Amino acid sequence: MNLLKPYSGYLQSLFRIMVGLAFLQHGTTKLLHFPATKMSGISPMSLSGAAGVIELVCGTLIVAGLFTRPAAFLASGTMAFAYFLKHAPRDFFPINNGGELALVYCFAFLFLAAAGAGPISVDRILGKA
């Protein structure tokens, strides 16, 4: 579909921003209690709390497009770790073990680690994209 080809860079930036915002919510609910969910109020010293710190920091960096490649790589690894630690032991199939979102985040961030932030980013302004 060549219709969207001229906009691929901008769509990459939009993809980064939207995935980053969705990821960031996991960190804000865990550490800042916003929005309030069943995950709110966990200890930052727990494994989920450590993941929340990574979600908060890397999510913010990814949304801004600052240090996108290393932030996305760390986020991807965090989601792979979460999948194999929490979801995979329950069942082999992601649809049965509740790990679809962790897998999607893992590979979305792996893509961003390889492809970069796109043209609308702080990385691009700093000449690091």
Protein backbone atom coordinates (compact mmCIF):
# COMPACT_ATOMS: atom_id res chain seq x y z
CA MET A 1 0.00 0.00 0.00
CA ASN A 2 2.02 2.92 -1.31
CA LEU A 3 -0.59 5.47 -0.25
CA LEU A 4 0.89 5.72 3.25
CA LYS A 5 4.56 5.32 2.27
CA PRO A 6 5.29 9.08 2.27
CA TYR A 7 4.04 9.23 5.85
CA SER A 8 5.90 6.20 7.19
CA GLY A 9 8.30 8.23 9.31
CA TYR A 10 5.50 10.24 10.87
CA LEU A 11 3.49 7.08 11.48
CA GLN A 12 6.56 5.57 13.15
CA SER A 13 6.69 8.59 15.47
CA LEU A 14 2.96 8.30 16.15
CA PHE A 15 3.38 4.57 16.86
CA ARG A 16 6.22 5.35 19.30
CA ILE A 17 4.19 8.00 21.10
CA MET A 18 1.02 5.90 21.44
CA VAL A 19 2.81 2.72 22.54
CA GLY A 20 4.91 4.78 24.93
CA LEU A 21 1.84 6.43 26.46
CA ALA A 22 0.11 3.08 26.93
CA PHE A 23 3.27 1.67 28.55
CA LEU A 24 3.72 4.76 30.71
CA GLN A 25 0.29 4.20 32.28
CA HIS A 26 1.56 0.99 33.84
CA GLY A 27 4.28 2.94 35.63
CA THR A 28 2.03 5.81 36.70
CA THR A 29 -0.59 3.50 38.19
CA LYS A 30 2.01 1.48 40.09
CA LEU A 31 4.08 4.35 41.44
CA LEU A 32 1.93 7.49 41.25
CA HIS A 33 -1.47 5.81 41.86
CA PHE A 34 -2.85 7.42 38.68
CA PRO A 35 -5.08 6.18 37.31
CA ALA A 36 -6.06 4.10 40.32
CA THR A 37 -6.16 0.37 39.52
CA LYS A 38 -5.63 -2.90 41.34
CA MET A 39 -1.89 -2.42 40.61
CA SER A 40 -1.78 0.95 42.41
CA GLY A 41 0.21 1.32 45.57
CA ILE A 42 2.73 -1.47 45.17
CA SER A 43 6.10 -1.17 46.85
CA PRO A 44 8.85 0.22 44.59
CA MET A 45 11.13 -2.39 46.21
CA SER A 46 9.10 -5.30 44.84
CA LEU A 47 9.67 -6.89 41.44
CA SER A 48 6.49 -5.24 40.13
CA GLY A 49 7.66 -1.95 41.64
CA ALA A 50 10.99 -2.21 39.84
CA ALA A 51 9.08 -2.86 36.62
CA GLY A 52 6.99 0.23 37.44
CA VAL A 53 10.14 2.36 37.67
CA ILE A 54 11.26 1.08 34.26
CA GLU A 55 7.77 1.65 32.83
CA LEU A 56 7.67 5.20 34.19
CA VAL A 57 11.16 6.23 33.12
CA CYS A 58 11.37 4.39 29.81
CA GLY A 59 7.76 5.23 28.94
CA THR A 60 8.49 8.93 29.43
CA LEU A 61 11.69 8.74 27.36
CA ILE A 62 9.95 6.80 24.58
CA VAL A 63 7.04 9.25 24.39
CA ALA A 64 9.47 12.17 24.17
CA GLY A 65 11.68 10.34 21.71
CA LEU A 66 14.74 10.90 23.89
CA PHE A 67 17.30 8.09 24.12
CA THR A 68 14.66 6.06 22.32
CA ARG A 69 16.80 3.12 21.27
CA PRO A 70 18.25 2.27 24.71
CA ALA A 71 14.96 3.04 26.50
CA ALA A 72 13.02 0.83 24.07
CA PHE A 73 15.61 -1.94 24.38
CA LEU A 74 15.33 -1.89 28.18
CA ALA A 75 11.52 -1.80 27.97
CA SER A 76 11.57 -4.74 25.53
CA GLY A 77 13.74 -6.78 27.86
CA THR A 78 11.54 -5.92 30.81
CA MET A 79 8.47 -7.16 28.96
CA ALA A 80 10.25 -10.37 27.88
CA PHE A 81 11.25 -10.95 31.51
CA ALA A 82 7.68 -10.26 32.67
CA TYR A 83 6.29 -12.66 30.09
CA PHE A 84 8.58 -15.56 30.99
CA LEU A 85 8.37 -14.96 34.73
CA LYS A 86 4.66 -14.29 35.16
CA HIS A 87 2.77 -15.54 32.10
CA ALA A 88 4.61 -18.45 30.48
CA PRO A 89 4.50 -20.70 33.57
CA ARG A 90 0.68 -20.57 33.51
CA ASP A 91 0.24 -21.99 30.01
CA PHE A 92 2.15 -22.34 26.74
CA PHE A 93 -0.29 -20.23 24.71
CA PRO A 94 -0.32 -16.44 25.28
CA ILE A 95 -4.09 -16.30 24.81
CA ASN A 96 -4.45 -18.67 27.77
CA ASN A 97 -1.75 -17.24 30.02
CA GLY A 98 -2.73 -13.56 29.71
CA GLY A 99 0.62 -12.58 28.23
CA GLU A 100 -0.46 -11.14 24.89
CA LEU A 101 0.12 -7.54 25.97
CA ALA A 102 3.58 -8.30 27.35
CA LEU A 103 4.50 -9.97 24.04
CA VAL A 104 3.14 -7.09 21.96
CA TYR A 105 5.03 -4.55 24.08
CA CYS A 106 8.19 -6.65 23.89
CA PHE A 107 8.21 -6.74 20.11
CA ALA A 108 6.93 -3.17 19.64
CA PHE A 109 9.83 -1.92 21.75
CA LEU A 110 12.27 -4.22 20.00
CA PHE A 111 11.16 -2.65 16.71
CA LEU A 112 11.68 0.86 18.13
CA ALA A 113 15.10 -0.11 19.47
CA ALA A 114 16.09 -1.10 15.94
CA ALA A 115 14.20 1.54 13.92
CA GLY A 116 14.60 4.56 16.18
CA ALA A 117 12.24 7.33 17.18
CA GLY A 118 11.17 8.67 13.80
CA PRO A 119 11.22 12.29 12.64
CA ILE A 120 9.12 13.78 15.44
CA SER A 121 11.41 13.28 18.42
CA VAL A 122 13.94 14.89 20.68
CA ASP A 123 16.49 12.40 19.33
CA ARG A 124 16.00 13.88 15.85
CA ILE A 125 16.41 17.44 17.16
CA LEU A 126 19.64 16.42 18.90
CA GLY A 127 20.85 14.65 15.74
CA LYS A 128 20.88 11.20 17.34
CA ALA A 129 18.04 9.59 15.35
